[in-house]
Structures are given as structure tokens and as C-alpha cells.
Amino acid sequence: VYRLKAADVDDYLERHRILPGELDHLYPERKRS
């Protein structure tokens, strides 16, 4: 079997956290308006 450390899974989550403004490229119409 394979096992993962809960701390490693939590670290993965934090490393992939999206910060405010990182998705602006998805809303080009907002920038124009």
C-alpha cells in the first residue's frame, strides 16, 4: 500500500493556493469596463 503524510498533503494544498488577482486573466471584459 501507499501512504502519504497528512502534513505533505496540507503543504501541497498551501502551495497551490490561489491568491487574489491570480485569476484576472479569466475576466478580460472586467479590465476593459
PDB file of all heavy atoms in Angstrom:
ATOM      1  N   VAL A   1       0.836  -1.203   0.000  1.00  0.00           N
ATOM      2  CA  VAL A   1       0.000   0.000   0.000  1.00  0.00           C
ATOM      3  C   VAL A   1       0.871   1.253   0.000  1.00  0.00           C
ATOM      4  O   VAL A   1       2.045   1.213   0.360  1.00  0.00           O
ATOM      5  CB  VAL A   1      -0.955   0.041   1.219  1.00  0.00           C
ATOM      6  CG1 VAL A   1      -1.906  -1.138   1.198  1.00  0.00           C
ATOM      7  CG2 VAL A   1      -0.181   0.082   2.513  1.00  0.00           C
ATOM      8  N   TYR A   2       0.280   2.351  -0.428  1.00  0.00           N
ATOM      9  CA  TYR A   2       0.943   3.647  -0.416  1.00  0.00           C
ATOM     10  C   TYR A   2       0.315   4.501   0.680  1.00  0.00           C
ATOM     11  O   TYR A   2      -0.899   4.464   0.889  1.00  0.00           O
ATOM     12  CB  TYR A   2       0.792   4.345  -1.771  1.00  0.00           C
ATOM     13  CG  TYR A   2       1.498   3.620  -2.876  1.00  0.00           C
ATOM     14  CD1 TYR A   2       0.809   2.724  -3.683  1.00  0.00           C
ATOM     15  CD2 TYR A   2       2.850   3.808  -3.106  1.00  0.00           C
ATOM     16  CE1 TYR A   2       1.455   2.043  -4.701  1.00  0.00           C
ATOM     17  CE2 TYR A   2       3.513   3.125  -4.116  1.00  0.00           C
ATOM     18  CZ  TYR A   2       2.805   2.246  -4.912  1.00  0.00           C
ATOM     19  OH  TYR A   2       3.441   1.562  -5.909  1.00  0.00           O
ATOM     20  N   ARG A   3       1.156   5.256   1.350  1.00  0.00           N
ATOM     21  CA  ARG A   3       0.694   6.156   2.401  1.00  0.00           C
ATOM     22  C   ARG A   3       1.298   7.531   2.165  1.00  0.00           C
ATOM     23  O   ARG A   3       2.383   7.668   1.617  1.00  0.00           O
ATOM     24  CB  ARG A   3       1.106   5.647   3.791  1.00  0.00           C
ATOM     25  CG  ARG A   3       0.463   4.341   4.186  1.00  0.00           C
ATOM     26  CD  ARG A   3      -1.003   4.553   4.504  1.00  0.00           C
ATOM     27  NE  ARG A   3      -1.630   3.327   4.970  1.00  0.00           N
ATOM     28  CZ  ARG A   3      -2.535   2.660   4.291  1.00  0.00           C
ATOM     29  NH1 ARG A   3      -2.908   3.076   3.103  1.00  0.00           N
ATOM     30  NH2 ARG A   3      -3.068   1.564   4.768  1.00  0.00           N
ATOM     31  N   LEU A   4       0.558   8.541   2.605  1.00  0.00           N
ATOM     32  CA  LEU A   4       1.013   9.917   2.493  1.00  0.00           C
ATOM     33  C   LEU A   4       0.958  10.559   3.862  1.00  0.00           C
ATOM     34  O   LEU A   4       0.061  10.262   4.663  1.00  0.00           O
ATOM     35  CB  LEU A   4       0.121  10.713   1.535  1.00  0.00           C
ATOM     36  CG  LEU A   4       0.121  10.254   0.084  1.00  0.00           C
ATOM     37  CD1 LEU A   4      -0.925   9.192  -0.159  1.00  0.00           C
ATOM     38  CD2 LEU A   4      -0.100  11.427  -0.821  1.00  0.00           C
ATOM     39  N   LYS A   5       1.899  11.441   4.132  1.00  0.00           N
ATOM     40  CA  LYS A   5       1.867  12.193   5.379  1.00  0.00           C
ATOM     41  C   LYS A   5       0.810  13.280   5.236  1.00  0.00           C
ATOM     42  O   LYS A   5       0.770  14.000   4.234  1.00  0.00           O
ATOM     43  CB  LYS A   5       3.217  12.841   5.657  1.00  0.00           C
ATOM     44  CG  LYS A   5       4.327  11.875   5.959  1.00  0.00           C
ATOM     45  CD  LYS A   5       5.609  12.654   6.200  1.00  0.00           C
ATOM     46  CE  LYS A   5       6.790  11.745   6.335  1.00  0.00           C
ATOM     47  NZ  LYS A   5       8.044  12.542   6.481  1.00  0.00           N
ATOM     48  N   ALA A   6      -0.021  13.428   6.249  1.00  0.00           N
ATOM     49  CA  ALA A   6      -1.053  14.464   6.225  1.00  0.00           C
ATOM     50  C   ALA A   6      -0.409  15.841   6.061  1.00  0.00           C
ATOM     51  O   ALA A   6      -0.943  16.691   5.340  1.00  0.00           O
ATOM     52  CB  ALA A   6      -1.890  14.406   7.500  1.00  0.00           C
ATOM     53  N   ALA A   7       0.751  16.054   6.673  1.00  0.00           N
ATOM     54  CA  ALA A   7       1.446  17.339   6.555  1.00  0.00           C
ATOM     55  C   ALA A   7       1.863  17.615   5.112  1.00  0.00           C
ATOM     56  O   ALA A   7       1.814  18.761   4.655  1.00  0.00           O
ATOM     57  CB  ALA A   7       2.660  17.371   7.474  1.00  0.00           C
ATOM     58  N   ASP A   8       2.263  16.573   4.372  1.00  0.00           N
ATOM     59  CA  ASP A   8       2.632  16.747   2.960  1.00  0.00           C
ATOM     60  C   ASP A   8       1.413  17.110   2.113  1.00  0.00           C
ATOM     61  O   ASP A   8       1.508  17.927   1.198  1.00  0.00           O
ATOM     62  CB  ASP A   8       3.285  15.482   2.401  1.00  0.00           C
ATOM     63  CG  ASP A   8       4.668  15.233   2.958  1.00  0.00           C
ATOM     64  OD1 ASP A   8       5.302  16.187   3.468  1.00  0.00           O
ATOM     65  OD2 ASP A   8       5.125  14.069   2.883  1.00  0.00           O
ATOM     66  N   VAL A   9       0.283  16.504   2.421  1.00  0.00           N
ATOM     67  CA  VAL A   9      -0.952  16.808   1.691  1.00  0.00           C
ATOM     68  C   VAL A   9      -1.364  18.250   1.985  1.00  0.00           C
ATOM     69  O   VAL A   9      -1.714  19.010   1.068  1.00  0.00           O
ATOM     70  CB  VAL A   9      -2.075  15.817   2.058  1.00  0.00           C
ATOM     71  CG1 VAL A   9      -3.408  16.228   1.445  1.00  0.00           C
ATOM     72  CG2 VAL A   9      -1.692  14.399   1.630  1.00  0.00           C
ATOM     73  N   ASP A  10      -1.289  18.665   3.244  1.00  0.00           N
ATOM     74  CA  ASP A  10      -1.628  20.035   3.616  1.00  0.00           C
ATOM     75  C   ASP A  10      -0.671  21.035   2.974  1.00  0.00           C
ATOM     76  O   ASP A  10      -1.077  22.108   2.525  1.00  0.00           O
ATOM     77  CB  ASP A  10      -1.637  20.202   5.131  1.00  0.00           C
ATOM     78  CG  ASP A  10      -2.757  19.411   5.794  1.00  0.00           C
ATOM     79  OD1 ASP A  10      -3.733  19.050   5.103  1.00  0.00           O
ATOM     80  OD2 ASP A  10      -2.647  19.142   7.009  1.00  0.00           O
ATOM     81  N   ASP A  11       0.614  20.679   2.910  1.00  0.00           N
ATOM     82  CA  ASP A  11       1.613  21.537   2.263  1.00  0.00           C
ATOM     83  C   ASP A  11       1.289  21.701   0.784  1.00  0.00           C
ATOM     84  O   ASP A  11       1.387  22.802   0.228  1.00  0.00           O
ATOM     85  CB  ASP A  11       3.013  20.950   2.454  1.00  0.00           C
ATOM     86  CG  ASP A  11       4.074  21.796   1.794  1.00  0.00           C
ATOM     87  OD1 ASP A  11       4.161  22.994   2.114  1.00  0.00           O
ATOM     88  OD2 ASP A  11       4.815  21.254   0.944  1.00  0.00           O
ATOM     89  N   TYR A  12       0.894  20.616   0.132  1.00  0.00           N
ATOM     90  CA  TYR A  12       0.506  20.671  -1.283  1.00  0.00           C
ATOM     91  C   TYR A  12      -0.653  21.654  -1.471  1.00  0.00           C
ATOM     92  O   TYR A  12      -0.645  22.464  -2.394  1.00  0.00           O
ATOM     93  CB  TYR A  12       0.113  19.282  -1.786  1.00  0.00           C
ATOM     94  CG  TYR A  12      -0.402  19.295  -3.192  1.00  0.00           C
ATOM     95  CD1 TYR A  12       0.470  19.258  -4.274  1.00  0.00           C
ATOM     96  CD2 TYR A  12      -1.762  19.351  -3.450  1.00  0.00           C
ATOM     97  CE1 TYR A  12      -0.004  19.300  -5.579  1.00  0.00           C
ATOM     98  CE2 TYR A  12      -2.245  19.390  -4.743  1.00  0.00           C
ATOM     99  CZ  TYR A  12      -1.365  19.363  -5.803  1.00  0.00           C
ATOM    100  OH  TYR A  12      -1.841  19.413  -7.085  1.00  0.00           O
ATOM    101  N   LEU A  13      -1.628  21.580  -0.588  1.00  0.00           N
ATOM    102  CA  LEU A  13      -2.770  22.491  -0.664  1.00  0.00           C
ATOM    103  C   LEU A  13      -2.318  23.947  -0.560  1.00  0.00           C
ATOM    104  O   LEU A  13      -2.751  24.796  -1.338  1.00  0.00           O
ATOM    105  CB  LEU A  13      -3.778  22.187   0.442  1.00  0.00           C
ATOM    106  CG  LEU A  13      -4.668  20.980   0.239  1.00  0.00           C
ATOM    107  CD1 LEU A  13      -5.451  20.678   1.502  1.00  0.00           C
ATOM    108  CD2 LEU A  13      -5.604  21.200  -0.930  1.00  0.00           C
ATOM    109  N   GLU A  14      -1.464  24.238   0.391  1.00  0.00           N
ATOM    110  CA  GLU A  14      -0.994  25.611   0.580  1.00  0.00           C
ATOM    111  C   GLU A  14      -0.170  26.100  -0.603  1.00  0.00           C
ATOM    112  O   GLU A  14      -0.269  27.260  -0.993  1.00  0.00           O
ATOM    113  CB  GLU A  14      -0.191  25.742   1.874  1.00  0.00           C
ATOM    114  CG  GLU A  14      -1.045  25.779   3.109  1.00  0.00           C
ATOM    115  CD  GLU A  14      -2.081  26.898   3.081  1.00  0.00           C
ATOM    116  OE1 GLU A  14      -1.731  28.065   2.775  1.00  0.00           O
ATOM    117  OE2 GLU A  14      -3.260  26.614   3.356  1.00  0.00           O
ATOM    118  N   ARG A  15       0.648  25.231  -1.199  1.00  0.00           N
ATOM    119  CA  ARG A  15       1.466  25.627  -2.348  1.00  0.00           C
ATOM    120  C   ARG A  15       0.613  25.942  -3.567  1.00  0.00           C
ATOM    121  O   ARG A  15       1.042  26.676  -4.443  1.00  0.00           O
ATOM    122  CB  ARG A  15       2.470  24.526  -2.715  1.00  0.00           C
ATOM    123  CG  ARG A  15       3.650  24.457  -1.765  1.00  0.00           C
ATOM    124  CD  ARG A  15       4.685  23.452  -2.224  1.00  0.00           C
ATOM    125  NE  ARG A  15       4.196  22.086  -1.982  1.00  0.00           N
ATOM    126  CZ  ARG A  15       4.178  21.117  -2.878  1.00  0.00           C
ATOM    127  NH1 ARG A  15       4.627  21.315  -4.094  1.00  0.00           N
ATOM    128  NH2 ARG A  15       3.707  19.918  -2.574  1.00  0.00           N
ATOM    129  N   HIS A  16      -0.581  25.407  -3.623  1.00  0.00           N
ATOM    130  CA  HIS A  16      -1.462  25.625  -4.774  1.00  0.00           C
ATOM    131  C   HIS A  16      -2.617  26.568  -4.463  1.00  0.00           C
ATOM    132  O   HIS A  16      -3.596  26.634  -5.209  1.00  0.00           O
ATOM    133  CB  HIS A  16      -1.973  24.273  -5.292  1.00  0.00           C
ATOM    134  CG  HIS A  16      -0.878  23.493  -5.937  1.00  0.00           C
ATOM    135  ND1 HIS A  16       0.011  22.740  -5.215  1.00  0.00           N
ATOM    136  CD2 HIS A  16      -0.489  23.405  -7.218  1.00  0.00           C
ATOM    137  CE1 HIS A  16       0.880  22.196  -6.040  1.00  0.00           C
ATOM    138  NE2 HIS A  16       0.603  22.587  -7.265  1.00  0.00           N
ATOM    139  N   ARG A  17      -2.473  27.301  -3.386  1.00  0.00           N
ATOM    140  CA  ARG A  17      -3.490  28.272  -3.005  1.00  0.00           C
ATOM    141  C   ARG A  17      -3.499  29.420  -4.016  1.00  0.00           C
ATOM    142  O   ARG A  17      -2.455  29.906  -4.426  1.00  0.00           O
ATOM    143  CB  ARG A  17      -3.174  28.811  -1.617  1.00  0.00           C
ATOM    144  CG  ARG A  17      -4.178  29.762  -1.091  1.00  0.00           C
ATOM    145  CD  ARG A  17      -3.784  30.225   0.282  1.00  0.00           C
ATOM    146  NE  ARG A  17      -4.939  30.776   0.922  1.00  0.00           N
ATOM    147  CZ  ARG A  17      -5.011  31.053   2.196  1.00  0.00           C
ATOM    148  NH1 ARG A  17      -3.998  30.798   2.972  1.00  0.00           N
ATOM    149  NH2 ARG A  17      -6.099  31.559   2.700  1.00  0.00           N
ATOM    150  N   ILE A  18      -4.672  29.833  -4.404  1.00  0.00           N
ATOM    151  CA  ILE A  18      -4.823  30.929  -5.363  1.00  0.00           C
ATOM    152  C   ILE A  18      -4.979  32.223  -4.581  1.00  0.00           C
ATOM    153  O   ILE A  18      -5.842  32.345  -3.715  1.00  0.00           O
ATOM    154  CB  ILE A  18      -6.042  30.697  -6.276  1.00  0.00           C
ATOM    155  CG1 ILE A  18      -5.833  29.422  -7.089  1.00  0.00           C
ATOM    156  CG2 ILE A  18      -6.281  31.899  -7.169  1.00  0.00           C
ATOM    157  CD1 ILE A  18      -7.037  28.990  -7.860  1.00  0.00           C
ATOM    158  N   LEU A  19      -4.131  33.188  -4.912  1.00  0.00           N
ATOM    159  CA  LEU A  19      -4.155  34.476  -4.239  1.00  0.00           C
ATOM    160  C   LEU A  19      -5.030  35.454  -5.012  1.00  0.00           C
ATOM    161  O   LEU A  19      -5.236  35.296  -6.223  1.00  0.00           O
ATOM    162  CB  LEU A  19      -2.727  35.012  -4.120  1.00  0.00           C
ATOM    163  CG  LEU A  19      -1.774  34.122  -3.315  1.00  0.00           C
ATOM    164  CD1 LEU A  19      -0.364  34.687  -3.368  1.00  0.00           C
ATOM    165  CD2 LEU A  19      -2.244  33.998  -1.878  1.00  0.00           C
ATOM    166  N   PRO A  20      -5.537  36.492  -4.340  1.00  0.00           N
ATOM    167  CA  PRO A  20      -6.353  37.480  -5.039  1.00  0.00           C
ATOM    168  C   PRO A  20      -5.605  38.073  -6.232  1.00  0.00           C
ATOM    169  O   PRO A  20      -4.417  38.398  -6.137  1.00  0.00           O
ATOM    170  CB  PRO A  20      -6.600  38.548  -3.968  1.00  0.00           C
ATOM    171  CG  PRO A  20      -6.468  37.813  -2.675  1.00  0.00           C
ATOM    172  CD  PRO A  20      -5.417  36.771  -2.916  1.00  0.00           C
ATOM    173  N   GLY A  21      -6.290  38.170  -7.340  1.00  0.00           N
ATOM    174  CA  GLY A  21      -5.716  38.740  -8.548  1.00  0.00           C
ATOM    175  C   GLY A  21      -5.109  37.732  -9.500  1.00  0.00           C
ATOM    176  O   GLY A  21      -4.797  38.061 -10.639  1.00  0.00           O
ATOM    177  N   GLU A  22      -4.921  36.483  -9.070  1.00  0.00           N
ATOM    178  CA  GLU A  22      -4.297  35.485  -9.930  1.00  0.00           C
ATOM    179  C   GLU A  22      -5.226  34.984 -11.036  1.00  0.00           C
ATOM    180  O   GLU A  22      -4.761  34.354 -11.983  1.00  0.00           O
ATOM    181  CB  GLU A  22      -3.786  34.298  -9.106  1.00  0.00           C
ATOM    182  CG  GLU A  22      -2.566  34.624  -8.275  1.00  0.00           C
ATOM    183  CD  GLU A  22      -1.999  33.418  -7.553  1.00  0.00           C
ATOM    184  OE1 GLU A  22      -2.718  32.429  -7.352  1.00  0.00           O
ATOM    185  OE2 GLU A  22      -0.821  33.482  -7.193  1.00  0.00           O
ATOM    186  N   LEU A  23      -6.491  35.259 -10.927  1.00  0.00           N
ATOM    187  CA  LEU A  23      -7.444  34.805 -11.941  1.00  0.00           C
ATOM    188  C   LEU A  23      -7.935  35.937 -12.836  1.00  0.00           C
ATOM    189  O   LEU A  23      -8.896  35.769 -13.589  1.00  0.00           O
ATOM    190  CB  LEU A  23      -8.638  34.106 -11.270  1.00  0.00           C
ATOM    191  CG  LEU A  23      -8.306  32.870 -10.447  1.00  0.00           C
ATOM    192  CD1 LEU A  23      -9.565  32.302  -9.817  1.00  0.00           C
ATOM    193  CD2 LEU A  23      -7.618  31.826 -11.297  1.00  0.00           C
ATOM    194  N   ASP A  24      -7.275  37.093 -12.769  1.00  0.00           N
ATOM    195  CA  ASP A  24      -7.696  38.229 -13.592  1.00  0.00           C
ATOM    196  C   ASP A  24      -7.706  37.899 -15.072  1.00  0.00           C
ATOM    197  O   ASP A  24      -8.512  38.443 -15.824  1.00  0.00           O
ATOM    198  CB  ASP A  24      -6.786  39.439 -13.347  1.00  0.00           C
ATOM    199  CG  ASP A  24      -7.081  40.125 -12.022  1.00  0.00           C
ATOM    200  OD1 ASP A  24      -8.143  39.842 -11.423  1.00  0.00           O
ATOM    201  OD2 ASP A  24      -6.246  40.939 -11.592  1.00  0.00           O
ATOM    202  N   HIS A  25      -6.831  37.010 -15.511  1.00  0.00           N
ATOM    203  CA  HIS A  25      -6.786  36.650 -16.930  1.00  0.00           C
ATOM    204  C   HIS A  25      -8.076  35.972 -17.399  1.00  0.00           C
ATOM    205  O   HIS A  25      -8.355  35.912 -18.587  1.00  0.00           O
ATOM    206  CB  HIS A  25      -5.587  35.730 -17.206  1.00  0.00           C
ATOM    207  CG  HIS A  25      -5.693  34.392 -16.561  1.00  0.00           C
ATOM    208  ND1 HIS A  25      -5.459  34.197 -15.215  1.00  0.00           N
ATOM    209  CD2 HIS A  25      -6.034  33.190 -17.072  1.00  0.00           C
ATOM    210  CE1 HIS A  25      -5.636  32.922 -14.925  1.00  0.00           C
ATOM    211  NE2 HIS A  25      -5.991  32.280 -16.027  1.00  0.00           N
ATOM    212  N   LEU A  26      -8.884  35.493 -16.469  1.00  0.00           N
ATOM    213  CA  LEU A  26     -10.149  34.855 -16.829  1.00  0.00           C
ATOM    214  C   LEU A  26     -11.264  35.873 -17.085  1.00  0.00           C
ATOM    215  O   LEU A  26     -12.325  35.508 -17.582  1.00  0.00           O
ATOM    216  CB  LEU A  26     -10.590  33.900 -15.720  1.00  0.00           C
ATOM    217  CG  LEU A  26      -9.650  32.730 -15.432  1.00  0.00           C
ATOM    218  CD1 LEU A  26     -10.158  31.930 -14.243  1.00  0.00           C
ATOM    219  CD2 LEU A  26      -9.520  31.834 -16.657  1.00  0.00           C
ATOM    220  N   TYR A  27     -11.026  37.132 -16.719  1.00  0.00           N
ATOM    221  CA  TYR A  27     -12.059  38.164 -16.827  1.00  0.00           C
ATOM    222  C   TYR A  27     -11.545  39.377 -17.598  1.00  0.00           C
ATOM    223  O   TYR A  27     -11.506  40.485 -17.078  1.00  0.00           O
ATOM    224  CB  TYR A  27     -12.517  38.598 -15.424  1.00  0.00           C
ATOM    225  CG  TYR A  27     -13.025  37.454 -14.614  1.00  0.00           C
ATOM    226  CD1 TYR A  27     -12.232  36.846 -13.640  1.00  0.00           C
ATOM    227  CD2 TYR A  27     -14.310  36.952 -14.824  1.00  0.00           C
ATOM    228  CE1 TYR A  27     -12.706  35.770 -12.903  1.00  0.00           C
ATOM    229  CE2 TYR A  27     -14.781  35.880 -14.090  1.00  0.00           C
ATOM    230  CZ  TYR A  27     -13.976  35.301 -13.124  1.00  0.00           C
ATOM    231  OH  TYR A  27     -14.439  34.256 -12.403  1.00  0.00           O
ATOM    232  N   PRO A  28     -11.181  39.206 -18.879  1.00  0.00           N
ATOM    233  CA  PRO A  28     -10.650  40.345 -19.637  1.00  0.00           C
ATOM    234  C   PRO A  28     -11.696  41.448 -19.832  1.00  0.00           C
ATOM    235  O   PRO A  28     -11.346  42.616 -19.920  1.00  0.00           O
ATOM    236  CB  PRO A  28     -10.229  39.727 -20.969  1.00  0.00           C
ATOM    237  CG  PRO A  28     -10.993  38.462 -21.064  1.00  0.00           C
ATOM    238  CD  PRO A  28     -11.236  37.998 -19.664  1.00  0.00           C
ATOM    239  N   GLU A  29     -12.983  41.089 -19.873  1.00  0.00           N
ATOM    240  CA  GLU A  29     -14.019  42.098 -20.052  1.00  0.00           C
ATOM    241  C   GLU A  29     -14.103  43.038 -18.857  1.00  0.00           C
ATOM    242  O   GLU A  29     -14.442  44.198 -18.992  1.00  0.00           O
ATOM    243  CB  GLU A  29     -15.388  41.458 -20.340  1.00  0.00           C
ATOM    244  CG  GLU A  29     -15.998  40.671 -19.200  1.00  0.00           C
ATOM    245  CD  GLU A  29     -15.445  39.250 -19.038  1.00  0.00           C
ATOM    246  OE1 GLU A  29     -14.684  38.801 -19.905  1.00  0.00           O
ATOM    247  OE2 GLU A  29     -15.780  38.596 -18.044  1.00  0.00           O
ATOM    248  N   ARG A  30     -13.767  42.560 -17.674  1.00  0.00           N
ATOM    249  CA  ARG A  30     -13.792  43.404 -16.479  1.00  0.00           C
ATOM    250  C   ARG A  30     -12.724  44.485 -16.596  1.00  0.00           C
ATOM    251  O   ARG A  30     -12.955  45.636 -16.261  1.00  0.00           O
ATOM    252  CB  ARG A  30     -13.570  42.574 -15.221  1.00  0.00           C
ATOM    253  CG  ARG A  30     -13.586  43.443 -13.958  1.00  0.00           C
ATOM    254  CD  ARG A  30     -13.347  42.650 -12.734  1.00  0.00           C
ATOM    255  NE  ARG A  30     -14.582  41.964 -12.368  1.00  0.00           N
ATOM    256  CZ  ARG A  30     -14.681  41.100 -11.389  1.00  0.00           C
ATOM    257  NH1 ARG A  30     -13.624  40.768 -10.683  1.00  0.00           N
ATOM    258  NH2 ARG A  30     -15.827  40.531 -11.110  1.00  0.00           N
ATOM    259  N   LYS A  31     -11.559  44.119 -17.099  1.00  0.00           N
ATOM    260  CA  LYS A  31     -10.474  45.091 -17.257  1.00  0.00           C
ATOM    261  C   LYS A  31     -10.884  46.183 -18.242  1.00  0.00           C
ATOM    262  O   LYS A  31     -10.632  47.356 -18.018  1.00  0.00           O
ATOM    263  CB  LYS A  31      -9.195  44.395 -17.745  1.00  0.00           C
ATOM    264  CG  LYS A  31      -8.536  43.545 -16.701  1.00  0.00           C
ATOM    265  CD  LYS A  31      -7.274  42.939 -17.251  1.00  0.00           C
ATOM    266  CE  LYS A  31      -6.640  42.012 -16.244  1.00  0.00           C
ATOM    267  NZ  LYS A  31      -5.443  41.369 -16.769  1.00  0.00           N
ATOM    268  N   ARG A  32     -11.528  45.783 -19.356  1.00  0.00           N
ATOM    269  CA  ARG A  32     -11.960  46.757 -20.352  1.00  0.00           C
ATOM    270  C   ARG A  32     -13.015  47.706 -19.772  1.00  0.00           C
ATOM    271  O   ARG A  32     -12.960  48.896 -19.979  1.00  0.00           O
ATOM    272  CB  ARG A  32     -12.509  46.049 -21.590  1.00  0.00           C
ATOM    273  CG  ARG A  32     -11.401  45.625 -22.532  1.00  0.00           C
ATOM    274  CD  ARG A  32     -11.972  45.077 -23.823  1.00  0.00           C
ATOM    275  NE  ARG A  32     -11.638  43.655 -23.809  1.00  0.00           N
ATOM    276  CZ  ARG A  32     -12.477  42.656 -23.968  1.00  0.00           C
ATOM    277  NH1 ARG A  32     -13.731  42.877 -24.206  1.00  0.00           N
ATOM    278  NH2 ARG A  32     -12.076  41.415 -23.917  1.00  0.00           N
ATOM    279  N   SER A  33     -13.983  47.159 -19.037  1.00  0.00           N
ATOM    280  CA  SER A  33     -15.047  48.002 -18.491  1.00  0.00           C
ATOM    281  C   SER A  33     -14.511  48.928 -17.404  1.00  0.00           C
ATOM    282  O   SER A  33     -14.937  50.063 -17.288  1.00  0.00           O
ATOM    283  CB  SER A  33     -16.199  47.150 -17.958  1.00  0.00           C
ATOM    284  OG  SER A  33     -15.773  46.374 -16.866  1.00  0.00           O
TER     285      SER A  33
END
